[in-house]
Amino acid sequence: MQQFIPHTLSGNTFLLSSQRCIFWQEQKALILSDLHLGKTGHFRKSGIAVPQAIFKEDMQRLVTQLQIYKPDQVIVIGDMFHSADNKEHDFFLKWRNDFPKLAIHLVKGNHDILRADWYNAAGIILHHCQLAVGDFVFVHDFADCSVPVNGYIFSGHIHPGITIRGLGKQSLRFPCFYFGKQYAVLPAFSRFTGTYLIKPLKGETVYAIVPTNPLKGELGGILKV
């Protein structure tokens, strides 16, 4: 199974990764949404024993994607962080020091509630509501922002999932990339999230992200539904 699939929009090539992100070749940009960094720390502060390994695995996946695609910039379409400051945010700042030349753009999501000076110290360029680059517009929640007059929209927020049915009435739900006529929705980069089931209409395209199957020696992949 493929680790990435190319998807073309307006003459631009977007490589959809099985690791829940997109590499935009023409802009050398890694696009991702809903990292929810600090979510496991937020749960632990509330007395819920969520292992910190989840946060570390997400960060390692991000590092691996940076090493593979070598982007000049990262565009995060909202909910990069989950809540108020906690120790996991301190770990992020240490991680950031390893990539001082990497430009990070954040279109603020509903969970991005840290102070403006914290984002500035982390070297994160903030964008309120939307970021326009060429023929494309990046927003967190398609429903929250006014629809731009021009440009294809990339959004996040809903953590889209798709159900794939097999023999014997069996079915499985997977996170997915959704591409409609006016806008696309990215899967949550963090694996510590649920999914919202979508039902694509005719002419819309969905790519399911199939998880790793260690029993078969598979690394996971991406599948056009």
Protein backbone atom coordinates (compact mmCIF):
# COMPACT_ATOMS: atom_id res chain seq x y z
CA MET A 1 0.00 0.00 0.00
CA GLN A 2 1.25 3.49 -0.89
CA GLN A 3 2.76 5.77 1.74
CA PHE A 4 1.61 8.85 -0.18
CA ILE A 5 -0.69 9.71 -3.09
CA PRO A 6 -0.40 12.80 -5.33
CA HIS A 7 -3.50 14.97 -5.69
CA THR A 8 -3.57 17.82 -8.23
CA LEU A 9 -5.43 21.12 -7.79
CA SER A 10 -5.10 24.15 -10.12
CA GLY A 11 -1.87 22.76 -11.56
CA ASN A 12 -0.33 22.29 -8.12
CA THR A 13 0.73 18.91 -6.73
CA PHE A 14 -0.13 17.94 -3.17
CA LEU A 15 1.36 14.72 -1.79
CA LEU A 16 -1.08 13.20 0.70
CA SER A 17 0.87 11.32 3.35
CA SER A 18 -0.29 8.30 5.32
CA GLN A 19 1.04 10.22 8.33
CA ARG A 20 -1.93 12.62 8.17
CA CYS A 21 -0.31 15.58 6.46
CA ILE A 22 0.21 17.04 2.97
CA PHE A 23 3.35 18.22 1.21
CA TRP A 24 2.70 21.04 -1.27
CA GLN A 25 5.47 20.67 -3.81
CA GLU A 26 5.32 24.09 -5.47
CA GLN A 27 5.53 25.97 -2.17
CA LYS A 28 7.73 23.44 -0.37
CA ALA A 29 5.18 23.55 2.43
CA LEU A 30 4.07 20.84 4.84
CA ILE A 31 0.36 21.28 5.61
CA LEU A 32 -1.28 19.73 8.66
CA SER A 33 -4.14 20.34 11.06
CA ASP A 34 -5.27 19.58 14.58
CA LEU A 35 -2.05 18.53 16.29
CA HIS A 36 -3.60 19.28 19.69
CA LEU A 37 -0.16 19.46 21.30
CA GLY A 38 -0.51 19.42 25.07
CA LYS A 39 -3.79 17.51 25.04
CA THR A 40 -2.38 14.53 26.94
CA GLY A 41 -0.80 16.91 29.48
CA HIS A 42 -4.15 18.68 29.84
CA PHE A 43 -5.83 15.35 30.65
CA ARG A 44 -3.14 14.43 33.17
CA LYS A 45 -3.54 17.78 34.94
CA SER A 46 -7.22 16.85 35.30
CA GLY A 47 -6.29 13.54 36.94
CA ILE A 48 -6.82 11.33 33.88
CA ALA A 49 -3.85 8.99 33.41
CA VAL A 50 -3.07 9.49 29.70
CA PRO A 51 0.49 8.37 28.81
CA GLN A 52 2.89 11.05 27.60
CA ALA A 53 4.11 8.60 24.94
CA ILE A 54 1.21 9.72 22.72
CA PHE A 55 2.60 13.26 22.59
CA LYS A 56 6.12 11.99 21.90
CA GLU A 57 4.92 9.71 19.10
CA ASP A 58 3.10 12.60 17.41
CA MET A 59 6.20 14.79 17.62
CA GLN A 60 8.38 12.02 16.24
CA ARG A 61 6.03 11.55 13.30
CA LEU A 62 6.28 15.28 12.62
CA VAL A 63 10.08 15.15 12.72
CA THR A 64 10.07 12.21 10.31
CA GLN A 65 7.88 14.11 7.84
CA LEU A 66 10.23 17.11 8.05
CA GLN A 67 13.18 14.84 7.32
CA ILE A 68 11.44 13.20 4.36
CA TYR A 69 10.05 16.28 2.61
CA LYS A 70 12.49 18.94 3.83
CA PRO A 71 9.92 21.78 3.65
CA ASP A 72 10.77 25.46 3.81
CA GLN A 73 7.62 26.13 5.80
CA VAL A 74 4.87 24.46 7.79
CA ILE A 75 1.24 25.58 7.55
CA VAL A 76 -0.88 24.46 10.50
CA ILE A 77 -4.62 24.84 9.89
CA GLY A 78 -5.66 25.38 13.49
CA ASP A 79 -5.65 23.62 16.84
CA MET A 80 -1.89 23.28 16.92
CA PHE A 81 -2.17 23.37 20.71
CA HIS A 82 -5.01 22.04 22.81
CA SER A 83 -5.49 24.28 25.82
CA ALA A 84 -3.68 26.33 28.46
CA ASP A 85 0.08 26.09 28.87
CA ASN A 86 1.50 22.87 30.37
CA LYS A 87 4.78 20.93 30.41
CA GLU A 88 4.25 19.51 26.92
CA HIS A 89 4.37 23.03 25.55
CA ASP A 90 7.79 23.40 27.19
CA PHE A 91 8.90 20.26 25.36
CA PHE A 92 7.67 21.82 22.13
CA LEU A 93 9.81 24.91 22.72
CA LYS A 94 12.89 22.69 23.12
CA TRP A 95 11.92 20.87 19.91
CA ARG A 96 11.52 24.20 18.11
CA ASN A 97 15.13 25.05 18.83
CA ASP A 98 16.19 22.16 16.59
CA PHE A 99 14.46 23.79 13.59
CA PRO A 100 15.25 27.51 13.96
CA LYS A 101 15.07 28.29 10.21
CA LEU A 102 11.75 26.54 9.63
CA ALA A 103 8.88 29.00 9.14
CA ILE A 104 5.74 27.88 11.00
CA HIS A 105 2.41 29.52 10.08
CA LEU A 106 -0.59 28.92 12.33
CA VAL A 107 -4.16 29.77 11.38
CA LYS A 108 -5.63 29.98 14.87
CA GLY A 109 -8.23 27.39 15.82
CA ASN A 110 -10.70 27.30 18.68
CA HIS A 111 -8.20 25.47 20.94
CA ASP A 112 -5.29 27.85 20.24
CA ILE A 113 -5.74 30.01 23.35
CA LEU A 114 -2.14 30.61 24.41
CA ARG A 115 -0.89 34.18 24.84
CA ALA A 116 0.31 36.02 21.75
CA ASP A 117 3.75 36.53 23.30
CA TRP A 118 4.08 32.73 23.77
CA TYR A 119 3.53 32.12 20.05
CA ASN A 120 6.01 34.88 19.26
CA ALA A 121 8.64 33.32 21.54
CA ALA A 122 8.03 29.97 19.80
CA GLY A 123 8.69 31.51 16.39
CA ILE A 124 5.13 30.89 15.20
CA ILE A 125 3.55 33.31 12.72
CA LEU A 126 -0.10 33.78 13.66
CA HIS A 127 -2.95 34.25 11.20
CA HIS A 128 -6.48 35.03 12.40
CA CYS A 129 -9.26 33.28 10.51
CA GLN A 130 -7.41 32.62 7.25
CA LEU A 131 -4.14 32.55 5.29
CA ALA A 132 -4.13 33.01 1.51
CA VAL A 133 -1.27 31.64 -0.59
CA GLY A 134 -1.63 31.85 -4.38
CA ASP A 135 -4.85 30.16 -5.48
CA PHE A 136 -5.46 28.58 -2.08
CA VAL A 137 -6.91 29.70 1.24
CA PHE A 138 -6.29 28.02 4.59
CA VAL A 139 -8.87 28.20 7.40
CA HIS A 140 -9.47 26.13 10.51
CA ASP A 141 -13.22 25.68 10.35
CA PHE A 142 -14.88 26.16 6.97
CA ALA A 143 -18.17 26.98 8.70
CA ASP A 144 -16.73 29.71 10.95
CA CYS A 145 -15.07 31.98 8.39
CA SER A 146 -16.66 33.87 5.54
CA VAL A 147 -16.08 32.07 2.24
CA PRO A 148 -13.31 33.79 0.23
CA VAL A 149 -14.34 35.14 -3.15
CA ASN A 150 -11.46 33.38 -4.88
CA GLY A 151 -9.38 30.34 -3.97
CA TYR A 152 -9.73 26.70 -3.11
CA ILE A 153 -10.03 26.22 0.65
CA PHE A 154 -8.11 23.84 2.92
CA SER A 155 -9.64 23.35 6.36
CA GLY A 156 -9.50 21.08 9.41
CA HIS A 157 -11.43 21.07 12.71
CA ILE A 158 -13.89 18.18 12.19
CA HIS A 159 -11.35 15.29 12.12
CA PRO A 160 -13.02 13.58 9.11
CA GLY A 161 -13.43 9.81 8.96
CA ILE A 162 -14.78 7.39 6.36
CA THR A 163 -16.41 3.98 6.77
CA ILE A 164 -15.20 1.18 4.50
CA ARG A 165 -17.45 -1.85 4.30
CA GLY A 166 -16.29 -5.40 3.61
CA LEU A 167 -17.78 -8.85 3.36
CA GLY A 168 -20.25 -10.16 5.94
CA LYS A 169 -21.52 -6.68 6.85
CA GLN A 170 -18.14 -5.83 8.37
CA SER A 171 -17.10 -2.20 8.46
CA LEU A 172 -14.17 -0.13 9.72
CA ARG A 173 -13.79 3.61 10.17
CA PHE A 174 -10.55 5.37 9.18
CA PRO A 175 -9.37 8.99 9.28
CA CYS A 176 -9.34 10.51 5.82
CA PHE A 177 -8.62 13.41 3.50
CA TYR A 178 -11.75 14.88 1.92
CA PHE A 179 -11.76 16.92 -1.31
CA GLY A 180 -14.97 18.62 -2.38
CA LYS A 181 -15.55 21.13 -5.17
CA GLN A 182 -14.90 24.22 -3.02
CA TYR A 183 -12.86 22.98 -0.11
CA ALA A 184 -10.81 20.15 1.38
CA VAL A 185 -10.73 18.86 4.96
CA LEU A 186 -7.56 17.39 6.47
CA PRO A 187 -7.50 14.60 9.05
CA ALA A 188 -6.32 15.40 12.56
CA PHE A 189 -2.55 14.96 12.71
CA SER A 190 -2.78 13.81 16.31
CA ARG A 191 -3.78 10.21 16.82
CA PHE A 192 -5.32 11.15 20.17
CA THR A 193 -8.53 12.35 18.53
CA GLY A 194 -11.84 10.91 17.39
CA THR A 195 -13.30 11.12 13.88
CA TYR A 196 -16.45 12.64 12.44
CA LEU A 197 -18.05 10.38 9.84
CA ILE A 198 -18.47 12.02 6.44
CA LYS A 199 -20.59 10.78 3.55
CA PRO A 200 -19.06 12.01 0.30
CA LEU A 201 -21.32 12.97 -2.60
CA LYS A 202 -20.82 12.20 -6.27
CA GLY A 203 -17.80 14.02 -7.66
CA GLU A 204 -16.09 14.34 -4.28
CA THR A 205 -12.85 12.50 -3.52
CA VAL A 206 -11.84 10.78 -0.30
CA TYR A 207 -8.55 9.14 0.67
CA ALA A 208 -8.65 6.82 3.68
CA ILE A 209 -5.63 6.47 5.97
CA VAL A 210 -5.19 2.81 6.84
CA PRO A 211 -3.24 2.22 10.08
CA THR A 212 -0.19 0.11 10.63
CA ASN A 213 -0.69 -3.67 10.82
CA PRO A 214 2.43 -4.97 12.60
CA LEU A 215 1.20 -8.58 12.37
CA LYS A 216 1.54 -8.40 8.59
CA GLY A 217 4.61 -6.22 8.58
CA GLU A 218 2.72 -3.31 7.00
CA LEU A 219 3.69 0.29 7.65
CA GLY A 220 0.26 1.71 6.98
CA GLY A 221 -0.77 3.58 3.88
CA ILE A 222 -3.26 5.74 2.06
CA LEU A 223 -6.09 4.49 -0.11
CA LYS A 224 -8.38 6.30 -2.55
CA VAL A 225 -11.93 5.27 -1.68
